[in-house]
Every structure is written in C-alpha cells, then in structure tokens.
Amino acid sequence: MKACYKTVMSVDDPRTPCPPYGYSCFCDLPVERQIELVAEFHAYRIRPTRIAYRLGIDIALIESLLAGEFEASRFERLVKHYRTRRLRQRLGAADKRRGQAAYEQRQIALREFELNTGL
C-alpha cells in the first residue's frame, strides 16, 4: 500500500497538479524534510515528475530546487552528501564481489560519480 501525504498546494492555486489529482499523493512534511527528500531522490537520478508522484511534493518546488532558485547552497550540499553516500554504498557492494566483476563494478561507480558531480 502506498502512503500518501498532504500537498503544499493551496485550494485556490490555479496550477494543475502534476500528476493529476486522481494519481497524486499529498505531502504534509515540513519544507526542510521535502528538500532533503528531493536531494536524495535527485542524487539517485530519479525524475522530478516521479518524485512529485511518489512523495506528493509540489512539482514547482522540485523544479525551483533543481534550478537553484530556492535554497541553492543547502540543496547542493545535500545532493553532494547523498551522491557520496551512494558512491560508498556501491563501492561496498563491489567489495563483496571478487576479481574482474568487482573491478568493473567499482570503475562504473567511480565513473558515474565523476560525471554526476559536475551537474
């Protein structure tokens, strides 16, 4: 069962929610926690529309965070933290393997981390 939360959008907001009302969740989390969740999902390369659908966070908030218009420095620090954590997880998973498979998995993780840190 999917947990749904209250949305940040007000009743008189003229924008259409993304996704439409029948499919979206509502988010009652504080804005600080929403920023953390968006940073974590972004670090794992989840699309903004998917974040909005899964968590019920307003798509306008997600897009403003990704564009650097809202809480830019904090969001960047969080994304860097979550990307580094993901790299450590992937390197730990590679250490459980042996030989060529471990080497290849480690190289893929490092290459992706280097590509994503420039974003």
N, C-alpha and C. Protein backbone atom coordinates (compact mmCIF):
# COMPACT_ATOMS: atom_id res chain seq x y z
N MET A 1 0.84 -1.18 0.00
CA MET A 1 0.00 0.00 0.00
C MET A 1 0.88 1.24 0.00
N LYS A 2 0.50 2.22 -0.75
CA LYS A 2 1.28 3.43 -0.91
C LYS A 2 0.83 4.47 0.11
N ALA A 3 1.79 5.05 0.82
CA ALA A 3 1.47 6.09 1.80
C ALA A 3 1.35 7.42 1.09
N CYS A 4 0.30 8.14 1.34
CA CYS A 4 0.08 9.44 0.71
C CYS A 4 0.11 10.54 1.76
N TYR A 5 0.59 11.69 1.37
CA TYR A 5 0.73 12.82 2.27
C TYR A 5 0.00 14.02 1.70
N LYS A 6 -0.12 15.07 2.49
CA LYS A 6 -0.79 16.30 2.04
C LYS A 6 0.15 17.13 1.18
N THR A 7 -0.39 17.82 0.21
CA THR A 7 0.39 18.63 -0.72
C THR A 7 0.60 20.04 -0.19
N VAL A 8 1.57 20.73 -0.75
CA VAL A 8 1.86 22.10 -0.37
C VAL A 8 0.93 23.07 -1.09
N MET A 9 0.29 22.62 -2.17
CA MET A 9 -0.57 23.48 -2.96
C MET A 9 -1.81 23.88 -2.18
N SER A 10 -2.19 25.12 -2.31
CA SER A 10 -3.40 25.59 -1.64
C SER A 10 -4.61 25.28 -2.52
N VAL A 11 -5.78 25.44 -1.94
CA VAL A 11 -7.02 25.12 -2.65
C VAL A 11 -7.25 26.07 -3.82
N ASP A 12 -6.90 27.33 -3.66
CA ASP A 12 -7.14 28.32 -4.72
C ASP A 12 -5.98 28.44 -5.71
N ASP A 13 -5.06 27.49 -5.71
CA ASP A 13 -3.93 27.50 -6.63
C ASP A 13 -4.42 27.16 -8.04
N PRO A 14 -4.20 28.02 -9.04
CA PRO A 14 -4.73 27.78 -10.38
C PRO A 14 -3.97 26.71 -11.16
N ARG A 15 -2.78 26.34 -10.69
CA ARG A 15 -1.99 25.36 -11.45
C ARG A 15 -2.61 23.97 -11.37
N THR A 16 -2.41 23.19 -12.39
CA THR A 16 -2.84 21.80 -12.39
C THR A 16 -1.77 20.99 -11.68
N PRO A 17 -2.14 20.11 -10.77
CA PRO A 17 -1.12 19.33 -10.08
C PRO A 17 -0.47 18.35 -11.05
N CYS A 18 0.74 18.00 -10.76
CA CYS A 18 1.46 17.03 -11.58
C CYS A 18 1.88 15.90 -10.66
N PRO A 19 1.40 14.75 -10.83
CA PRO A 19 0.39 14.24 -11.74
C PRO A 19 -1.02 14.68 -11.33
N PRO A 20 -2.01 14.37 -12.16
CA PRO A 20 -3.38 14.81 -11.87
C PRO A 20 -3.89 14.30 -10.52
N TYR A 21 -4.94 14.94 -10.02
CA TYR A 21 -5.45 14.66 -8.68
C TYR A 21 -5.69 13.18 -8.40
N GLY A 22 -6.20 12.44 -9.34
CA GLY A 22 -6.52 11.04 -9.09
C GLY A 22 -5.31 10.17 -8.80
N TYR A 23 -4.13 10.62 -9.20
CA TYR A 23 -2.94 9.80 -9.07
C TYR A 23 -1.92 10.36 -8.10
N SER A 24 -2.11 11.58 -7.63
CA SER A 24 -1.08 12.20 -6.81
C SER A 24 -1.31 11.94 -5.33
N CYS A 25 -0.24 12.04 -4.58
CA CYS A 25 -0.29 11.94 -3.13
C CYS A 25 -0.28 13.34 -2.55
N PHE A 26 -0.56 13.45 -1.26
CA PHE A 26 -0.49 14.72 -0.57
C PHE A 26 0.67 14.66 0.42
N CYS A 27 1.40 15.75 0.55
CA CYS A 27 2.58 15.78 1.39
C CYS A 27 2.38 16.74 2.56
N ASP A 28 2.46 16.21 3.78
CA ASP A 28 2.34 17.07 4.96
C ASP A 28 3.67 17.22 5.69
N LEU A 29 4.75 16.86 5.02
CA LEU A 29 6.08 17.00 5.61
C LEU A 29 6.51 18.46 5.61
N PRO A 30 7.35 18.86 6.58
CA PRO A 30 7.86 20.24 6.56
C PRO A 30 8.75 20.46 5.33
N VAL A 31 8.88 21.71 4.94
CA VAL A 31 9.64 22.05 3.73
C VAL A 31 11.09 21.58 3.85
N GLU A 32 11.68 21.65 5.03
CA GLU A 32 13.07 21.21 5.21
C GLU A 32 13.22 19.73 4.86
N ARG A 33 12.27 18.91 5.30
CA ARG A 33 12.32 17.48 5.00
C ARG A 33 12.05 17.22 3.53
N GLN A 34 11.18 18.01 2.92
CA GLN A 34 10.91 17.87 1.49
C GLN A 34 12.18 18.15 0.69
N ILE A 35 12.94 19.17 1.10
CA ILE A 35 14.19 19.50 0.42
C ILE A 35 15.17 18.34 0.53
N GLU A 36 15.27 17.74 1.71
CA GLU A 36 16.15 16.59 1.89
C GLU A 36 15.75 15.42 1.00
N LEU A 37 14.46 15.15 0.93
CA LEU A 37 13.99 14.04 0.11
C LEU A 37 14.23 14.27 -1.37
N VAL A 38 13.99 15.50 -1.83
CA VAL A 38 14.23 15.81 -3.23
C VAL A 38 15.71 15.66 -3.54
N ALA A 39 16.58 16.10 -2.64
CA ALA A 39 18.03 15.97 -2.85
C ALA A 39 18.43 14.50 -2.92
N GLU A 40 17.87 13.69 -2.05
CA GLU A 40 18.21 12.27 -2.06
C GLU A 40 17.73 11.59 -3.34
N PHE A 41 16.50 11.85 -3.73
CA PHE A 41 15.98 11.25 -4.95
C PHE A 41 16.76 11.75 -6.17
N HIS A 42 17.12 13.03 -6.17
CA HIS A 42 17.89 13.59 -7.29
C HIS A 42 19.27 12.94 -7.36
N ALA A 43 19.87 12.68 -6.22
CA ALA A 43 21.18 12.02 -6.20
C ALA A 43 21.10 10.61 -6.78
N TYR A 44 19.96 9.98 -6.63
CA TYR A 44 19.75 8.65 -7.19
C TYR A 44 19.19 8.70 -8.61
N ARG A 45 19.17 9.89 -9.20
CA ARG A 45 18.79 10.12 -10.58
C ARG A 45 17.33 9.76 -10.86
N ILE A 46 16.44 10.10 -9.93
CA ILE A 46 15.01 9.90 -10.12
C ILE A 46 14.44 11.16 -10.76
N ARG A 47 13.59 11.00 -11.76
CA ARG A 47 13.00 12.15 -12.47
C ARG A 47 12.13 12.99 -11.55
N PRO A 48 12.10 14.32 -11.76
CA PRO A 48 11.29 15.21 -10.92
C PRO A 48 9.80 14.84 -10.90
N THR A 49 9.25 14.44 -12.03
CA THR A 49 7.83 14.08 -12.04
C THR A 49 7.58 12.83 -11.20
N ARG A 50 8.53 11.94 -11.18
CA ARG A 50 8.40 10.73 -10.38
C ARG A 50 8.49 11.06 -8.89
N ILE A 51 9.36 12.01 -8.54
CA ILE A 51 9.47 12.46 -7.15
C ILE A 51 8.13 13.05 -6.71
N ALA A 52 7.57 13.90 -7.57
CA ALA A 52 6.28 14.53 -7.25
C ALA A 52 5.20 13.47 -7.08
N TYR A 53 5.19 12.48 -7.92
CA TYR A 53 4.18 11.43 -7.85
C TYR A 53 4.35 10.59 -6.59
N ARG A 54 5.58 10.17 -6.29
CA ARG A 54 5.81 9.28 -5.16
C ARG A 54 5.63 9.95 -3.82
N LEU A 55 6.08 11.20 -3.70
CA LEU A 55 6.09 11.86 -2.40
C LEU A 55 5.00 12.91 -2.24
N GLY A 56 4.41 13.34 -3.33
CA GLY A 56 3.38 14.37 -3.24
C GLY A 56 3.93 15.77 -3.12
N ILE A 57 5.22 15.92 -3.32
CA ILE A 57 5.84 17.24 -3.24
C ILE A 57 5.48 18.03 -4.49
N ASP A 58 5.18 19.30 -4.32
CA ASP A 58 4.79 20.17 -5.42
C ASP A 58 5.89 20.21 -6.48
N ILE A 59 5.53 19.99 -7.72
CA ILE A 59 6.50 19.98 -8.82
C ILE A 59 7.19 21.32 -8.96
N ALA A 60 6.52 22.41 -8.62
CA ALA A 60 7.14 23.73 -8.68
C ALA A 60 8.28 23.84 -7.68
N LEU A 61 8.12 23.27 -6.50
CA LEU A 61 9.19 23.27 -5.51
C LEU A 61 10.37 22.45 -6.00
N ILE A 62 10.09 21.30 -6.56
CA ILE A 62 11.16 20.42 -7.07
C ILE A 62 11.93 21.13 -8.18
N GLU A 63 11.22 21.72 -9.11
CA GLU A 63 11.90 22.40 -10.22
C GLU A 63 12.68 23.61 -9.75
N SER A 64 12.18 24.34 -8.76
CA SER A 64 12.92 25.50 -8.26
C SER A 64 14.17 25.06 -7.52
N LEU A 65 14.13 23.92 -6.84
CA LEU A 65 15.33 23.40 -6.18
C LEU A 65 16.36 22.96 -7.21
N LEU A 66 15.93 22.27 -8.24
CA LEU A 66 16.86 21.80 -9.27
C LEU A 66 17.46 22.95 -10.07
N ALA A 67 16.68 24.03 -10.24
CA ALA A 67 17.17 25.19 -10.99
C ALA A 67 18.05 26.10 -10.13
N GLY A 68 18.08 25.86 -8.83
CA GLY A 68 18.89 26.69 -7.94
C GLY A 68 18.22 27.99 -7.54
N GLU A 69 16.92 28.05 -7.65
CA GLU A 69 16.19 29.27 -7.31
C GLU A 69 15.77 29.32 -5.85
N PHE A 70 15.76 28.19 -5.18
CA PHE A 70 15.29 28.12 -3.79
C PHE A 70 16.27 27.27 -2.99
N GLU A 71 16.81 27.82 -1.90
CA GLU A 71 17.73 27.09 -1.01
C GLU A 71 18.87 26.44 -1.81
N ALA A 72 19.51 27.19 -2.68
CA ALA A 72 20.50 26.63 -3.60
C ALA A 72 21.70 26.01 -2.88
N SER A 73 22.29 26.72 -1.94
CA SER A 73 23.51 26.20 -1.29
C SER A 73 23.19 24.96 -0.45
N ARG A 74 22.10 25.01 0.28
CA ARG A 74 21.72 23.85 1.11
C ARG A 74 21.40 22.64 0.25
N PHE A 75 20.67 22.87 -0.85
CA PHE A 75 20.31 21.77 -1.74
C PHE A 75 21.56 21.14 -2.35
N GLU A 76 22.51 21.97 -2.78
CA GLU A 76 23.76 21.45 -3.36
C GLU A 76 24.54 20.62 -2.36
N ARG A 77 24.61 21.08 -1.10
CA ARG A 77 25.31 20.32 -0.06
C ARG A 77 24.64 18.96 0.16
N LEU A 78 23.31 18.97 0.19
CA LEU A 78 22.59 17.72 0.40
C LEU A 78 22.79 16.76 -0.76
N VAL A 79 22.73 17.26 -1.98
CA VAL A 79 22.92 16.39 -3.15
C VAL A 79 24.33 15.80 -3.12
N LYS A 80 25.32 16.62 -2.79
CA LYS A 80 26.70 16.12 -2.71
C LYS A 80 26.82 15.04 -1.64
N HIS A 81 26.18 15.25 -0.49
CA HIS A 81 26.20 14.26 0.59
C HIS A 81 25.58 12.95 0.13
N TYR A 82 24.42 13.01 -0.50
CA TYR A 82 23.74 11.79 -0.92
C TYR A 82 24.46 11.09 -2.06
N ARG A 83 25.09 11.84 -2.95
CA ARG A 83 25.87 11.20 -4.02
C ARG A 83 27.09 10.50 -3.45
N THR A 84 27.73 11.13 -2.47
CA THR A 84 28.88 10.50 -1.83
C THR A 84 28.45 9.23 -1.09
N ARG A 85 27.32 9.29 -0.42
CA ARG A 85 26.80 8.12 0.29
C ARG A 85 26.48 7.00 -0.70
N ARG A 86 25.90 7.36 -1.83
CA ARG A 86 25.58 6.35 -2.85
C ARG A 86 26.85 5.72 -3.39
N LEU A 87 27.89 6.54 -3.59
CA LEU A 87 29.17 6.00 -4.06
C LEU A 87 29.73 5.01 -3.05
N ARG A 88 29.70 5.35 -1.77
CA ARG A 88 30.20 4.43 -0.74
C ARG A 88 29.40 3.13 -0.72
N GLN A 89 28.09 3.22 -0.91
CA GLN A 89 27.26 2.01 -0.95
C GLN A 89 27.64 1.13 -2.14
N ARG A 90 27.83 1.76 -3.28
CA ARG A 90 28.18 1.00 -4.48
C ARG A 90 29.56 0.39 -4.39
N LEU A 91 30.51 1.12 -3.78
CA LEU A 91 31.85 0.57 -3.61
C LEU A 91 31.82 -0.58 -2.60
N GLY A 92 30.98 -0.47 -1.58
CA GLY A 92 30.82 -1.56 -0.62
C GLY A 92 30.24 -2.81 -1.28
N ALA A 93 29.30 -2.60 -2.19
CA ALA A 93 28.72 -3.73 -2.93
C ALA A 93 29.77 -4.36 -3.84
N ALA A 94 30.64 -3.53 -4.40
CA ALA A 94 31.69 -4.05 -5.27
C ALA A 94 32.71 -4.85 -4.46
N ASP A 95 32.96 -4.46 -3.22
CA ASP A 95 33.92 -5.19 -2.37
C ASP A 95 33.43 -6.58 -2.02
N LYS A 96 32.14 -6.81 -2.12
CA LYS A 96 31.59 -8.14 -1.83
C LYS A 96 31.83 -9.11 -2.98
N ARG A 97 32.14 -8.56 -4.14
CA ARG A 97 32.44 -9.40 -5.30
C ARG A 97 33.94 -9.63 -5.37
N ARG A 98 34.34 -10.48 -6.30
CA ARG A 98 35.77 -10.78 -6.46
C ARG A 98 36.18 -10.64 -7.91
N GLY A 99 37.44 -10.40 -8.09
CA GLY A 99 38.04 -10.41 -9.41
C GLY A 99 37.56 -9.31 -10.34
N GLN A 100 37.38 -9.70 -11.60
CA GLN A 100 37.03 -8.76 -12.65
C GLN A 100 35.68 -8.09 -12.40
N ALA A 101 34.70 -8.82 -11.89
CA ALA A 101 33.38 -8.25 -11.63
C ALA A 101 33.46 -7.12 -10.60
N ALA A 102 34.27 -7.31 -9.56
CA ALA A 102 34.44 -6.27 -8.54
C ALA A 102 35.12 -5.04 -9.14
N TYR A 103 36.15 -5.28 -9.95
CA TYR A 103 36.86 -4.17 -10.58
C TYR A 103 35.93 -3.37 -11.49
N GLU A 104 35.16 -4.06 -12.33
CA GLU A 104 34.26 -3.39 -13.25
C GLU A 104 33.17 -2.61 -12.52
N GLN A 105 32.60 -3.20 -11.48
CA GLN A 105 31.56 -2.51 -10.72
C GLN A 105 32.13 -1.27 -10.04
N ARG A 106 33.35 -1.37 -9.52
CA ARG A 106 34.00 -0.24 -8.88
C ARG A 106 34.26 0.88 -9.89
N GLN A 107 34.73 0.51 -11.08
CA GLN A 107 35.02 1.51 -12.11
C GLN A 107 33.74 2.20 -12.59
N ILE A 108 32.67 1.46 -12.75
CA ILE A 108 31.39 2.05 -13.17
C ILE A 108 30.89 3.03 -12.11
N ALA A 109 31.00 2.66 -10.85
CA ALA A 109 30.55 3.53 -9.76
C ALA A 109 31.37 4.82 -9.73
N LEU A 110 32.69 4.71 -9.86
CA LEU A 110 33.56 5.89 -9.84
C LEU A 110 33.31 6.79 -11.05
N ARG A 111 33.11 6.18 -12.23
CA ARG A 111 32.86 6.96 -13.43
C ARG A 111 31.55 7.73 -13.33
N GLU A 112 30.50 7.06 -12.85
CA GLU A 112 29.21 7.74 -12.68
C GLU A 112 29.29 8.86 -11.66
N PHE A 113 30.04 8.64 -10.57
CA PHE A 113 30.19 9.68 -9.55
C PHE A 113 30.90 10.90 -10.13
N GLU A 114 31.95 10.67 -10.91
CA GLU A 114 32.66 11.79 -11.52
C GLU A 114 31.80 12.56 -12.51
N LEU A 115 30.98 11.87 -13.28
CA LEU A 115 30.09 12.52 -14.23
C LEU A 115 29.01 13.32 -13.51
N ASN A 116 28.46 12.78 -12.42
CA ASN A 116 27.35 13.42 -11.72
C ASN A 116 27.79 14.57 -10.83
N THR A 117 29.03 14.60 -10.40
CA THR A 117 29.45 15.69 -9.51
C THR A 117 29.56 17.01 -10.26
N GLY A 118 29.67 16.96 -11.57
CA GLY A 118 29.72 18.18 -12.36
C GLY A 118 28.37 18.80 -12.60
N LEU A 119 27.29 18.10 -12.27
CA LEU A 119 25.93 18.58 -12.52
C LEU A 119 25.53 19.67 -11.55
